[in-house]
Amino acid sequence: SHTHHIASCRTPRPLLSTATPYVYTWTSPLSRHDALPIPLGTIFQLSVWKELQNVSYGTTSSYKEIAVKLDSMQAMRAVGNANSKNPIPIIIPCHRIIKSDGSIGGYSGGISKKKFLLDLEYKNK
């Protein structure tokens, strides 16, 4: 199943089963996942994950831009750390966050997967 490659092993099973239908609709730029419950995390992680959901399909934002939106200009590294702890990548689209210099940055699933996801979204937007 592709679900195991998409979601982290830290993801609680009920959340994973709820998330599965969203993964299948993910390639639609019109799909929104507002009804999906946000997983458990720190207050800062939750605020970052909520902000990530505002980054539109087929676009990117930077760690710096997310930090500024959270009124934490100095928190760029913390935003990156929260991204790396995201238990439901794609649904909370941490792959859309890049470095402010335009370089791709990191991704818990690997850089090649991040590039693939960004290219796929860009082509389908």
PDB file of N, CA and C in Angstrom:
ATOM      1  N   SER A   1       0.833  -1.191   0.000  1.00  0.00           N
ATOM      2  CA  SER A   1       0.000   0.000   0.000  1.00  0.00           C
ATOM      3  C   SER A   1       0.876   1.253   0.000  1.00  0.00           C
ATOM      4  N   HIS A   2       0.487   2.260  -0.770  1.00  0.00           N
ATOM      5  CA  HIS A   2       1.225   3.514  -0.826  1.00  0.00           C
ATOM      6  C   HIS A   2       1.090   4.308   0.459  1.00  0.00           C
ATOM      7  N   THR A   3       0.054   4.026   1.229  1.00  0.00           N
ATOM      8  CA  THR A   3      -0.210   4.779   2.445  1.00  0.00           C
ATOM      9  C   THR A   3       0.980   4.725   3.387  1.00  0.00           C
ATOM     10  N   HIS A   4       1.646   3.584   3.487  1.00  0.00           N
ATOM     11  CA  HIS A   4       2.759   3.452   4.416  1.00  0.00           C
ATOM     12  C   HIS A   4       3.941   4.313   3.997  1.00  0.00           C
ATOM     13  N   HIS A   5       4.085   4.600   2.723  1.00  0.00           N
ATOM     14  CA  HIS A   5       5.169   5.446   2.262  1.00  0.00           C
ATOM     15  C   HIS A   5       4.821   6.920   2.419  1.00  0.00           C
ATOM     16  N   ILE A   6       3.560   7.231   2.452  1.00  0.00           N
ATOM     17  CA  ILE A   6       3.118   8.614   2.523  1.00  0.00           C
ATOM     18  C   ILE A   6       3.074   9.106   3.956  1.00  0.00           C
ATOM     19  N   ALA A   7       2.564   8.288   4.839  1.00  0.00           N
ATOM     20  CA  ALA A   7       2.402   8.710   6.224  1.00  0.00           C
ATOM     21  C   ALA A   7       3.491   8.095   7.093  1.00  0.00           C
ATOM     22  N   SER A   8       3.881   8.829   8.077  1.00  0.00           N
ATOM     23  CA  SER A   8       4.919   8.378   8.993  1.00  0.00           C
ATOM     24  C   SER A   8       4.398   7.282   9.902  1.00  0.00           C
ATOM     25  N   CYS A   9       5.315   6.474  10.398  1.00  0.00           N
ATOM     26  CA  CYS A   9       4.910   5.419  11.333  1.00  0.00           C
ATOM     27  C   CYS A   9       4.432   6.013  12.650  1.00  0.00           C
ATOM     28  N   ARG A  10       4.685   7.305  12.884  1.00  0.00           N
ATOM     29  CA  ARG A  10       4.200   7.964  14.099  1.00  0.00           C
ATOM     30  C   ARG A  10       2.707   8.295  14.008  1.00  0.00           C
ATOM     31  N   THR A  11       2.110   8.144  12.849  1.00  0.00           N
ATOM     32  CA  THR A  11       0.722   8.523  12.644  1.00  0.00           C
ATOM     33  C   THR A  11      -0.211   7.517  13.316  1.00  0.00           C
ATOM     34  N   PRO A  12      -1.097   8.001  14.195  1.00  0.00           N
ATOM     35  CA  PRO A  12      -2.058   7.087  14.814  1.00  0.00           C
ATOM     36  C   PRO A  12      -2.956   6.447  13.752  1.00  0.00           C
ATOM     37  N   ARG A  13      -3.281   5.177  13.906  1.00  0.00           N
ATOM     38  CA  ARG A  13      -4.084   4.440  12.928  1.00  0.00           C
ATOM     39  C   ARG A  13      -5.408   5.107  12.576  1.00  0.00           C
ATOM     40  N   PRO A  14      -6.195   5.606  13.557  1.00  0.00           N
ATOM     41  CA  PRO A  14      -7.469   6.243  13.167  1.00  0.00           C
ATOM     42  C   PRO A  14      -7.253   7.441  12.242  1.00  0.00           C
ATOM     43  N   LEU A  15      -6.217   8.222  12.488  1.00  0.00           N
ATOM     44  CA  LEU A  15      -5.921   9.363  11.627  1.00  0.00           C
ATOM     45  C   LEU A  15      -5.500   8.876  10.242  1.00  0.00           C
ATOM     46  N   LEU A  16      -4.694   7.826  10.195  1.00  0.00           N
ATOM     47  CA  LEU A  16      -4.248   7.283   8.923  1.00  0.00           C
ATOM     48  C   LEU A  16      -5.422   6.779   8.093  1.00  0.00           C
ATOM     49  N   SER A  17      -6.356   6.070   8.719  1.00  0.00           N
ATOM     50  CA  SER A  17      -7.507   5.571   7.964  1.00  0.00           C
ATOM     51  C   SER A  17      -8.413   6.713   7.514  1.00  0.00           C
ATOM     52  N   THR A  18      -8.502   7.765   8.315  1.00  0.00           N
ATOM     53  CA  THR A  18      -9.290   8.939   7.920  1.00  0.00           C
ATOM     54  C   THR A  18      -8.600   9.675   6.780  1.00  0.00           C
ATOM     55  N   ALA A  19      -7.277   9.676   6.782  1.00  0.00           N
ATOM     56  CA  ALA A  19      -6.509  10.431   5.790  1.00  0.00           C
ATOM     57  C   ALA A  19      -6.447   9.756   4.429  1.00  0.00           C
ATOM     58  N   THR A  20      -6.575   8.452   4.385  1.00  0.00           N
ATOM     59  CA  THR A  20      -6.392   7.708   3.132  1.00  0.00           C
ATOM     60  C   THR A  20      -7.215   8.254   1.967  1.00  0.00           C
ATOM     61  N   PRO A  21      -8.527   8.532   2.135  1.00  0.00           N
ATOM     62  CA  PRO A  21      -9.282   9.069   0.986  1.00  0.00           C
ATOM     63  C   PRO A  21      -8.747  10.412   0.495  1.00  0.00           C
ATOM     64  N   TYR A  22      -8.182  11.204   1.402  1.00  0.00           N
ATOM     65  CA  TYR A  22      -7.642  12.501   1.007  1.00  0.00           C
ATOM     66  C   TYR A  22      -6.418  12.344   0.122  1.00  0.00           C
ATOM     67  N   VAL A  23      -5.630  11.331   0.385  1.00  0.00           N
ATOM     68  CA  VAL A  23      -4.430  11.093  -0.415  1.00  0.00           C
ATOM     69  C   VAL A  23      -4.813  10.825  -1.865  1.00  0.00           C
ATOM     70  N   TYR A  24      -5.880  10.087  -2.074  1.00  0.00           N
ATOM     71  CA  TYR A  24      -6.303   9.767  -3.438  1.00  0.00           C
ATOM     72  C   TYR A  24      -6.825  10.981  -4.197  1.00  0.00           C
ATOM     73  N   THR A  25      -7.297  12.008  -3.501  1.00  0.00           N
ATOM     74  CA  THR A  25      -7.777  13.219  -4.172  1.00  0.00           C
ATOM     75  C   THR A  25      -6.721  14.312  -4.199  1.00  0.00           C
ATOM     76  N   TRP A  26      -5.555  14.039  -3.655  1.00  0.00           N
ATOM     77  CA  TRP A  26      -4.522  15.048  -3.498  1.00  0.00           C
ATOM     78  C   TRP A  26      -4.088  15.668  -4.813  1.00  0.00           C
ATOM     79  N   THR A  27      -4.096  14.932  -5.914  1.00  0.00           N
ATOM     80  CA  THR A  27      -3.613  15.488  -7.174  1.00  0.00           C
ATOM     81  C   THR A  27      -4.544  16.544  -7.761  1.00  0.00           C
ATOM     82  N   SER A  28      -5.683  16.760  -7.144  1.00  0.00           N
ATOM     83  CA  SER A  28      -6.581  17.815  -7.610  1.00  0.00           C
ATOM     84  C   SER A  28      -6.241  19.120  -6.899  1.00  0.00           C
ATOM     85  N   PRO A  29      -5.923  20.173  -7.652  1.00  0.00           N
ATOM     86  CA  PRO A  29      -5.625  21.449  -7.005  1.00  0.00           C
ATOM     87  C   PRO A  29      -6.832  22.030  -6.277  1.00  0.00           C
ATOM     88  N   LEU A  30      -8.011  21.512  -6.562  1.00  0.00           N
ATOM     89  CA  LEU A  30      -9.218  22.023  -5.920  1.00  0.00           C
ATOM     90  C   LEU A  30      -9.505  21.333  -4.585  1.00  0.00           C
ATOM     91  N   SER A  31      -8.790  20.254  -4.302  1.00  0.00           N
ATOM     92  CA  SER A  31      -9.079  19.512  -3.073  1.00  0.00           C
ATOM     93  C   SER A  31      -8.572  20.280  -1.861  1.00  0.00           C
ATOM     94  N   ARG A  32      -9.384  20.288  -0.828  1.00  0.00           N
ATOM     95  CA  ARG A  32      -9.020  20.891   0.454  1.00  0.00           C
ATOM     96  C   ARG A  32      -9.269  19.841   1.516  1.00  0.00           C
ATOM     97  N   HIS A  33      -8.495  19.878   2.549  1.00  0.00           N
ATOM     98  CA  HIS A  33      -8.586  18.848   3.570  1.00  0.00           C
ATOM     99  C   HIS A  33      -8.912  19.446   4.931  1.00  0.00           C
ATOM    100  N   ASP A  34      -9.780  20.437   4.937  1.00  0.00           N
ATOM    101  CA  ASP A  34     -10.116  21.129   6.173  1.00  0.00           C
ATOM    102  C   ASP A  34     -10.763  20.227   7.211  1.00  0.00           C
ATOM    103  N   ALA A  35     -11.468  19.180   6.778  1.00  0.00           N
ATOM    104  CA  ALA A  35     -12.181  18.327   7.715  1.00  0.00           C
ATOM    105  C   ALA A  35     -11.272  17.314   8.408  1.00  0.00           C
ATOM    106  N   LEU A  36     -10.055  17.162   7.914  1.00  0.00           N
ATOM    107  CA  LEU A  36      -9.145  16.194   8.497  1.00  0.00           C
ATOM    108  C   LEU A  36      -8.601  16.729   9.812  1.00  0.00           C
ATOM    109  N   PRO A  37      -8.699  15.953  10.889  1.00  0.00           N
ATOM    110  CA  PRO A  37      -8.186  16.445  12.174  1.00  0.00           C
ATOM    111  C   PRO A  37      -6.665  16.577  12.147  1.00  0.00           C
ATOM    112  N   ILE A  38      -6.168  17.619  12.779  1.00  0.00           N
ATOM    113  CA  ILE A  38      -4.731  17.837  12.893  1.00  0.00           C
ATOM    114  C   ILE A  38      -4.194  16.878  13.954  1.00  0.00           C
ATOM    115  N   PRO A  39      -3.055  16.232  13.683  1.00  0.00           N
ATOM    116  CA  PRO A  39      -2.484  15.314  14.667  1.00  0.00           C
ATOM    117  C   PRO A  39      -1.961  16.054  15.899  1.00  0.00           C
ATOM    118  N   LEU A  40      -1.603  15.295  16.903  1.00  0.00           N
ATOM    119  CA  LEU A  40      -1.064  15.870  18.125  1.00  0.00           C
ATOM    120  C   LEU A  40       0.340  16.400  17.891  1.00  0.00           C
ATOM    121  N   GLY A  41       0.667  17.497  18.556  1.00  0.00           N
ATOM    122  CA  GLY A  41       1.993  18.090  18.473  1.00  0.00           C
ATOM    123  C   GLY A  41       2.088  19.217  19.477  1.00  0.00           C
ATOM    124  N   THR A  42       3.220  19.879  19.519  1.00  0.00           N
ATOM    125  CA  THR A  42       3.377  21.031  20.399  1.00  0.00           C
ATOM    126  C   THR A  42       2.533  22.188  19.855  1.00  0.00           C
ATOM    127  N   ILE A  43       2.354  23.195  20.655  1.00  0.00           N
ATOM    128  CA  ILE A  43       1.590  24.364  20.205  1.00  0.00           C
ATOM    129  C   ILE A  43       2.264  24.979  18.973  1.00  0.00           C
ATOM    130  N   PHE A  44       3.591  25.072  18.992  1.00  0.00           N
ATOM    131  CA  PHE A  44       4.297  25.637  17.846  1.00  0.00           C
ATOM    132  C   PHE A  44       4.143  24.748  16.613  1.00  0.00           C
ATOM    133  N   GLN A  45       4.314  23.430  16.767  1.00  0.00           N
ATOM    134  CA  GLN A  45       4.142  22.519  15.633  1.00  0.00           C
ATOM    135  C   GLN A  45       2.749  22.650  15.038  1.00  0.00           C
ATOM    136  N   LEU A  46       1.743  22.705  15.889  1.00  0.00           N
ATOM    137  CA  LEU A  46       0.365  22.841  15.402  1.00  0.00           C
ATOM    138  C   LEU A  46       0.184  24.125  14.610  1.00  0.00           C
ATOM    139  N   SER A  47       0.785  25.220  15.086  1.00  0.00           N
ATOM    140  CA  SER A  47       0.646  26.493  14.367  1.00  0.00           C
ATOM    141  C   SER A  47       1.358  26.428  13.018  1.00  0.00           C
ATOM    142  N   VAL A  48       2.519  25.774  12.964  1.00  0.00           N
ATOM    143  CA  VAL A  48       3.226  25.618  11.686  1.00  0.00           C
ATOM    144  C   VAL A  48       2.400  24.746  10.752  1.00  0.00           C
ATOM    145  N   TRP A  49       1.923  23.604  11.237  1.00  0.00           N
ATOM    146  CA  TRP A  49       1.157  22.689  10.390  1.00  0.00           C
ATOM    147  C   TRP A  49      -0.112  23.351   9.863  1.00  0.00           C
ATOM    148  N   LYS A  50      -0.741  24.174  10.681  1.00  0.00           N
ATOM    149  CA  LYS A  50      -1.937  24.900  10.231  1.00  0.00           C
ATOM    150  C   LYS A  50      -1.563  25.871   9.109  1.00  0.00           C
ATOM    151  N   GLU A  51      -0.443  26.565   9.274  1.00  0.00           N
ATOM    152  CA  GLU A  51       0.009  27.515   8.250  1.00  0.00           C
ATOM    153  C   GLU A  51       0.390  26.807   6.955  1.00  0.00           C
ATOM    154  N   LEU A  52       0.966  25.616   7.050  1.00  0.00           N
ATOM    155  CA  LEU A  52       1.340  24.856   5.850  1.00  0.00           C
ATOM    156  C   LEU A  52       0.122  24.553   4.991  1.00  0.00           C
ATOM    157  N   GLN A  53      -1.012  24.367   5.621  1.00  0.00           N
ATOM    158  CA  GLN A  53      -2.233  24.051   4.885  1.00  0.00           C
ATOM    159  C   GLN A  53      -2.738  25.239   4.069  1.00  0.00           C
ATOM    160  N   ASN A  54      -2.199  26.425   4.327  1.00  0.00           N
ATOM    161  CA  ASN A  54      -2.574  27.607   3.557  1.00  0.00           C
ATOM    162  C   ASN A  54      -1.702  27.813   2.320  1.00  0.00           C
ATOM    163  N   VAL A  55      -0.673  26.985   2.155  1.00  0.00           N
ATOM    164  CA  VAL A  55       0.185  27.081   0.966  1.00  0.00           C
ATOM    165  C   VAL A  55      -0.522  26.333  -0.162  1.00  0.00           C
ATOM    166  N   SER A  56      -0.887  27.059  -1.178  1.00  0.00           N
ATOM    167  CA  SER A  56      -1.706  26.517  -2.271  1.00  0.00           C
ATOM    168  C   SER A  56      -1.003  25.420  -3.049  1.00  0.00           C
ATOM    169  N   TYR A  57      -1.806  24.520  -3.549  1.00  0.00           N
ATOM    170  CA  TYR A  57      -1.357  23.435  -4.432  1.00  0.00           C
ATOM    171  C   TYR A  57      -0.596  24.030  -5.611  1.00  0.00           C
ATOM    172  N   GLY A  58       0.567  23.473  -5.906  1.00  0.00           N
ATOM    173  CA  GLY A  58       1.343  23.934  -7.051  1.00  0.00           C
ATOM    174  C   GLY A  58       2.185  25.158  -6.777  1.00  0.00           C
ATOM    175  N   THR A  59       2.214  25.624  -5.532  1.00  0.00           N
ATOM    176  CA  THR A  59       3.034  26.781  -5.164  1.00  0.00           C
ATOM    177  C   THR A  59       3.956  26.382  -4.018  1.00  0.00           C
ATOM    178  N   THR A  60       4.864  27.269  -3.675  1.00  0.00           N
ATOM    179  CA  THR A  60       5.748  27.045  -2.544  1.00  0.00           C
ATOM    180  C   THR A  60       5.766  28.271  -1.652  1.00  0.00           C
ATOM    181  N   SER A  61       6.252  28.076  -0.470  1.00  0.00           N
ATOM    182  CA  SER A  61       6.526  29.144   0.474  1.00  0.00           C
ATOM    183  C   SER A  61       7.879  28.814   1.078  1.00  0.00           C
ATOM    184  N   SER A  62       8.428  29.721   1.856  1.00  0.00           N
ATOM    185  CA  SER A  62       9.734  29.447   2.467  1.00  0.00           C
ATOM    186  C   SER A  62       9.586  29.302   3.978  1.00  0.00           C
ATOM    187  N   TYR A  63      10.608  28.705   4.564  1.00  0.00           N
ATOM    188  CA  TYR A  63      10.642  28.583   6.016  1.00  0.00           C
ATOM    189  C   TYR A  63      10.545  29.975   6.641  1.00  0.00           C
ATOM    190  N   LYS A  64      11.229  30.936   6.035  1.00  0.00           N
ATOM    191  CA  LYS A  64      11.210  32.318   6.522  1.00  0.00           C
ATOM    192  C   LYS A  64       9.802  32.914   6.434  1.00  0.00           C
ATOM    193  N   GLU A  65       9.116  32.712   5.297  1.00  0.00           N
ATOM    194  CA  GLU A  65       7.756  33.250   5.138  1.00  0.00           C
ATOM    195  C   GLU A  65       6.800  32.660   6.182  1.00  0.00           C
ATOM    196  N   ILE A  66       6.938  31.378   6.459  1.00  0.00           N
ATOM    197  CA  ILE A  66       6.090  30.752   7.471  1.00  0.00           C
ATOM    198  C   ILE A  66       6.406  31.340   8.839  1.00  0.00           C
ATOM    199  N   ALA A  67       7.697  31.515   9.143  1.00  0.00           N
ATOM    200  CA  ALA A  67       8.100  32.102  10.429  1.00  0.00           C
ATOM    201  C   ALA A  67       7.529  33.509  10.584  1.00  0.00           C
ATOM    202  N   VAL A  68       7.581  34.309   9.530  1.00  0.00           N
ATOM    203  CA  VAL A  68       7.038  35.678   9.572  1.00  0.00           C
ATOM    204  C   VAL A  68       5.528  35.639   9.816  1.00  0.00           C
ATOM    205  N   LYS A  69       4.819  34.746   9.144  1.00  0.00           N
ATOM    206  CA  LYS A  69       3.367  34.638   9.342  1.00  0.00           C
ATOM    207  C   LYS A  69       3.019  34.244  10.767  1.00  0.00           C
ATOM    208  N   LEU A  70       3.946  33.560  11.424  1.00  0.00           N
ATOM    209  CA  LEU A  70       3.718  33.154  12.815  1.00  0.00           C
ATOM    210  C   LEU A  70       4.288  34.173  13.799  1.00  0.00           C
ATOM    211  N   ASP A  71       4.678  35.351  13.271  1.00  0.00           N
ATOM    212  CA  ASP A  71       5.287  36.407  14.088  1.00  0.00           C
ATOM    213  C   ASP A  71       6.520  35.919  14.836  1.00  0.00           C
ATOM    214  N   SER A  72       7.287  35.066  14.181  1.00  0.00           N
ATOM    215  CA  SER A  72       8.508  34.510  14.774  1.00  0.00           C
ATOM    216  C   SER A  72       9.633  34.549  13.750  1.00  0.00           C
ATOM    217  N   MET A  73      10.039  35.733  13.351  1.00  0.00           N
ATOM    218  CA  MET A  73      11.046  35.894  12.308  1.00  0.00           C
ATOM    219  C   MET A  73      12.293  35.042  12.580  1.00  0.00           C
ATOM    220  N   GLN A  74      12.664  34.884  13.834  1.00  0.00           N
ATOM    221  CA  GLN A  74      13.862  34.126  14.173  1.00  0.00           C
ATOM    222  C   GLN A  74      13.621  32.616  14.199  1.00  0.00           C
ATOM    223  N   ALA A  75      12.417  32.180  13.928  1.00  0.00           N
ATOM    224  CA  ALA A  75      12.054  30.768  14.097  1.00  0.00           C
ATOM    225  C   ALA A  75      12.156  29.943  12.815  1.00  0.00           C
ATOM    226  N   MET A  76      12.965  30.377  11.859  1.00  0.00           N
ATOM    227  CA  MET A  76      13.048  29.632  10.593  1.00  0.00           C
ATOM    228  C   MET A  76      13.490  28.188  10.821  1.00  0.00           C
ATOM    229  N   ARG A  77      14.483  27.974  11.660  1.00  0.00           N
ATOM    230  CA  ARG A  77      14.933  26.601  11.946  1.00  0.00           C
ATOM    231  C   ARG A  77      13.857  25.812  12.672  1.00  0.00           C
ATOM    232  N   ALA A  78      13.138  26.475  13.566  1.00  0.00           N
ATOM    233  CA  ALA A  78      12.058  25.800  14.288  1.00  0.00           C
ATOM    234  C   ALA A  78      10.938  25.392  13.327  1.00  0.00           C
ATOM    235  N   VAL A  79      10.674  26.219  12.317  1.00  0.00           N
ATOM    236  CA  VAL A  79       9.684  25.867  11.296  1.00  0.00           C
ATOM    237  C   VAL A  79      10.152  24.623  10.550  1.00  0.00           C
ATOM    238  N   GLY A  80      11.430  24.585  10.188  1.00  0.00           N
ATOM    239  CA  GLY A  80      11.979  23.404   9.525  1.00  0.00           C
ATOM    240  C   GLY A  80      11.880  22.167  10.403  1.00  0.00           C
ATOM    241  N   ASN A  81      12.127  22.325  11.685  1.00  0.00           N
ATOM    242  CA  ASN A  81      12.029  21.202  12.618  1.00  0.00           C
ATOM    243  C   ASN A  81      10.587  20.719  12.732  1.00  0.00           C
ATOM    244  N   ALA A  82       9.642  21.654  12.807  1.00  0.00           N
ATOM    245  CA  ALA A  82       8.224  21.272  12.862  1.00  0.00           C
ATOM    246  C   ALA A  82       7.822  20.540  11.585  1.00  0.00           C
ATOM    247  N   ASN A  83       8.339  21.009  10.438  1.00  0.00           N
ATOM    248  CA  ASN A  83       8.080  20.315   9.168  1.00  0.00           C
ATOM    249  C   ASN A  83       8.538  18.869   9.242  1.00  0.00           C
ATOM    250  N   SER A  84       9.727  18.654   9.804  1.00  0.00           N
ATOM    251  CA  SER A  84      10.286  17.301   9.852  1.00  0.00           C
ATOM    252  C   SER A  84       9.501  16.377  10.776  1.00  0.00           C
ATOM    253  N   LYS A  85       8.707  16.949  11.674  1.00  0.00           N
ATOM    254  CA  LYS A  85       7.898  16.153  12.605  1.00  0.00           C
ATOM    255  C   LYS A  85       6.471  15.949  12.104  1.00  0.00           C
ATOM    256  N   ASN A  86       6.146  16.471  10.939  1.00  0.00           N
ATOM    257  CA  ASN A  86       4.807  16.363  10.361  1.00  0.00           C
ATOM    258  C   ASN A  86       4.465  14.889  10.153  1.00  0.00           C
ATOM    259  N   PRO A  87       3.447  14.364  10.851  1.00  0.00           N
ATOM    260  CA  PRO A  87       3.129  12.945  10.732  1.00  0.00           C
ATOM    261  C   PRO A  87       2.286  12.579   9.505  1.00  0.00           C
ATOM    262  N   ILE A  88       1.742  13.567   8.797  1.00  0.00           N
ATOM    263  CA  ILE A  88       0.942  13.252   7.613  1.00  0.00           C
ATOM    264  C   ILE A  88       1.351  14.148   6.430  1.00  0.00           C
ATOM    265  N   PRO A  89       2.581  13.902   5.910  1.00  0.00           N
ATOM    266  CA  PRO A  89       3.028  14.672   4.747  1.00  0.00           C
ATOM    267  C   PRO A  89       2.038  14.524   3.591  1.00  0.00           C
ATOM    268  N   ILE A  90       2.045  15.423   2.691  1.00  0.00           N
ATOM    269  CA  ILE A  90       1.145  15.592   1.554  1.00  0.00           C
ATOM    270  C   ILE A  90      -0.150  16.238   2.042  1.00  0.00           C
ATOM    271  N   ILE A  91      -0.794  15.661   3.042  1.00  0.00           N
ATOM    272  CA  ILE A  91      -2.042  16.234   3.545  1.00  0.00           C
ATOM    273  C   ILE A  91      -1.744  17.539   4.270  1.00  0.00           C
ATOM    274  N   ILE A  92      -0.730  17.547   5.111  1.00  0.00           N
ATOM    275  CA  ILE A  92      -0.165  18.797   5.617  1.00  0.00           C
ATOM    276  C   ILE A  92       1.090  18.972   4.760  1.00  0.00           C
ATOM    277  N   PRO A  93       0.999  19.808   3.725  1.00  0.00           N
ATOM    278  CA  PRO A  93       1.976  19.788   2.628  1.00  0.00           C
ATOM    279  C   PRO A  93       3.333  20.422   2.943  1.00  0.00           C
ATOM    280  N   CYS A  94       4.106  19.760   3.793  1.00  0.00           N
ATOM    281  CA  CYS A  94       5.423  20.281   4.153  1.00  0.00           C
ATOM    282  C   CYS A  94       6.395  20.274   2.974  1.00  0.00           C
ATOM    283  N   HIS A  95       6.099  19.489   1.944  1.00  0.00           N
ATOM    284  CA  HIS A  95       6.967  19.469   0.756  1.00  0.00           C
ATOM    285  C   HIS A  95       6.940  20.789  -0.005  1.00  0.00           C
ATOM    286  N   ARG A  96       5.957  21.637   0.259  1.00  0.00           N
ATOM    287  CA  ARG A  96       5.840  22.921  -0.441  1.00  0.00           C
ATOM    288  C   ARG A  96       6.707  24.011   0.184  1.00  0.00           C
ATOM    289  N   ILE A  97       7.433  23.682   1.240  1.00  0.00           N
ATOM    290  CA  ILE A  97       8.248  24.677   1.926  1.00  0.00           C
ATOM    291  C   ILE A  97       9.699  24.514   1.482  1.00  0.00           C
ATOM    292  N   ILE A  98      10.258  25.607   0.973  1.00  0.00           N
ATOM    293  CA  ILE A  98      11.625  25.617   0.457  1.00  0.00           C
ATOM    294  C   ILE A  98      12.420  26.702   1.186  1.00  0.00           C
ATOM    295  N   LYS A  99      13.703  26.765   0.902  1.00  0.00           N
ATOM    296  CA  LYS A  99      14.540  27.802   1.499  1.00  0.00           C
ATOM    297  C   LYS A  99      14.248  29.145   0.833  1.00  0.00           C
ATOM    298  N   SER A 100      14.501  30.235   1.555  1.00  0.00           N
ATOM    299  CA  SER A 100      14.201  31.567   1.011  1.00  0.00           C
ATOM    300  C   SER A 100      15.091  31.919  -0.183  1.00  0.00           C
ATOM    301  N   ASP A 101      16.220  31.225  -0.352  1.00  0.00           N
ATOM    302  CA  ASP A 101      17.062  31.484  -1.528  1.00  0.00           C
ATOM    303  C   ASP A 101      16.581  30.714  -2.759  1.00  0.00           C
ATOM    304  N   GLY A 102      15.466  29.970  -2.614  1.00  0.00           N
ATOM    305  CA  GLY A 102      14.891  29.231  -3.724  1.00  0.00           C
ATOM    306  C   GLY A 102      15.363  27.787  -3.821  1.00  0.00           C
ATOM    307  N   SER A 103      16.357  27.416  -3.032  1.00  0.00           N
ATOM    308  CA  SER A 103      16.811  26.022  -3.063  1.00  0.00           C
ATOM    309  C   SER A 103      15.787  25.149  -2.342  1.00  0.00           C
ATOM    310  N   ILE A 104      15.833  23.868  -2.607  1.00  0.00           N
ATOM    311  CA  ILE A 104      14.747  22.972  -2.224  1.00  0.00           C
ATOM    312  C   ILE A 104      14.627  22.718  -0.722  1.00  0.00           C
ATOM    313  N   GLY A 105      15.712  22.741   0.011  1.00  0.00           N
ATOM    314  CA  GLY A 105      15.652  22.452   1.439  1.00  0.00           C
ATOM    315  C   GLY A 105      15.511  20.961   1.689  1.00  0.00           C
ATOM    316  N   GLY A 106      15.218  20.597   2.905  1.00  0.00           N
ATOM    317  CA  GLY A 106      15.124  19.190   3.274  1.00  0.00           C
ATOM    318  C   GLY A 106      13.717  18.639   3.130  1.00  0.00           C
ATOM    319  N   TYR A 107      13.617  17.328   3.317  1.00  0.00           N
ATOM    320  CA  TYR A 107      12.321  16.642   3.303  1.00  0.00           C
ATOM    321  C   TYR A 107      12.508  15.286   3.948  1.00  0.00           C
ATOM    322  N   SER A 108      11.654  14.971   4.888  1.00  0.00           N
ATOM    323  CA  SER A 108      11.798  13.710   5.624  1.00  0.00           C
ATOM    324  C   SER A 108      11.658  12.492   4.713  1.00  0.00           C
ATOM    325  N   GLY A 109      10.964  12.640   3.603  1.00  0.00           N
ATOM    326  CA  GLY A 109      10.811  11.540   2.655  1.00  0.00           C
ATOM    327  C   GLY A 109      11.943  11.450   1.642  1.00  0.00           C
ATOM    328  N   GLY A 110      12.866  12.391   1.689  1.00  0.00           N
ATOM    329  CA  GLY A 110      13.985  12.428   0.749  1.00  0.00           C
ATOM    330  C   GLY A 110      13.795  13.521  -0.291  1.00  0.00           C
ATOM    331  N   ILE A 111      14.900  14.103  -0.702  1.00  0.00           N
ATOM    332  CA  ILE A 111      14.876  15.217  -1.648  1.00  0.00           C
ATOM    333  C   ILE A 111      14.254  14.816  -2.985  1.00  0.00           C
ATOM    334  N   SER A 112      14.544  13.609  -3.468  1.00  0.00           N
ATOM    335  CA  SER A 112      13.990  13.199  -4.768  1.00  0.00           C
ATOM    336  C   SER A 112      12.467  13.132  -4.709  1.00  0.00           C
ATOM    337  N   LYS A 113      11.910  12.703  -3.588  1.00  0.00           N
ATOM    338  CA  LYS A 113      10.444  12.665  -3.450  1.00  0.00           C
ATOM    339  C   LYS A 113       9.872  14.073  -3.371  1.00  0.00           C
ATOM    340  N   LYS A 114      10.573  14.969  -2.680  1.00  0.00           N
ATOM    341  CA  LYS A 114      10.109  16.358  -2.598  1.00  0.00           C
ATOM    342  C   LYS A 114      10.077  16.979  -3.994  1.00  0.00           C
ATOM    343  N   LYS A 115      11.142  16.778  -4.759  1.00  0.00           N
ATOM    344  CA  LYS A 115      11.183  17.309  -6.125  1.00  0.00           C
ATOM    345  C   LYS A 115      10.055  16.718  -6.963  1.00  0.00           C
ATOM    346  N   PHE A 116       9.831  15.411  -6.832  1.00  0.00           N
ATOM    347  CA  PHE A 116       8.764  14.746  -7.580  1.00  0.00           C
ATOM    348  C   PHE A 116       7.408  15.363  -7.240  1.00  0.00           C
ATOM    349  N   LEU A 117       7.120  15.539  -5.944  1.00  0.00           N
ATOM    350  CA  LEU A 117       5.828  16.098  -5.526  1.00  0.00           C
ATOM    351  C   LEU A 117       5.658  17.531  -6.031  1.00  0.00           C
ATOM    352  N   LEU A 118       6.695  18.340  -5.913  1.00  0.00           N
ATOM    353  CA  LEU A 118       6.600  19.731  -6.390  1.00  0.00           C
ATOM    354  C   LEU A 118       6.383  19.782  -7.893  1.00  0.00           C
ATOM    355  N   ASP A 119       7.116  18.957  -8.638  1.00  0.00           N
ATOM    356  CA  ASP A 119       6.943  18.916 -10.095  1.00  0.00           C
ATOM    357  C   ASP A 119       5.545  18.453 -10.482  1.00  0.00           C
ATOM    358  N   LEU A 120       5.063  17.424  -9.806  1.00  0.00           N
ATOM    359  CA  LEU A 120       3.732  16.900 -10.087  1.00  0.00           C
ATOM    360  C   LEU A 120       2.656  17.960  -9.837  1.00  0.00           C
ATOM    361  N   GLU A 121       2.750  18.647  -8.712  1.00  0.00           N
ATOM    362  CA  GLU A 121       1.767  19.695  -8.412  1.00  0.00           C
ATOM    363  C   GLU A 121       1.853  20.838  -9.408  1.00  0.00           C
ATOM    364  N   TYR A 122       3.066  21.236  -9.749  1.00  0.00           N
ATOM    365  CA  TYR A 122       3.229  22.347 -10.682  1.00  0.00           C
ATOM    366  C   TYR A 122       2.597  22.018 -12.038  1.00  0.00           C
ATOM    367  N   LYS A 123       2.797  20.778 -12.487  1.00  0.00           N
ATOM    368  CA  LYS A 123       2.239  20.354 -13.781  1.00  0.00           C
ATOM    369  C   LYS A 123       0.714  20.255 -13.750  1.00  0.00           C
ATOM    370  N   ASN A 124       0.141  19.957 -12.594  1.00  0.00           N
ATOM    371  CA  ASN A 124      -1.309  19.752 -12.473  1.00  0.00           C
ATOM    372  C   ASN A 124      -2.067  20.952 -11.942  1.00  0.00           C
ATOM    373  N   LYS A 125      -1.391  22.058 -11.672  1.00  0.00           N
ATOM    374  CA  LYS A 125      -2.112  23.187 -11.060  1.00  0.00           C
ATOM    375  C   LYS A 125      -3.008  23.905 -12.046  1.00  0.00           C
TER     376      LYS A 125
END
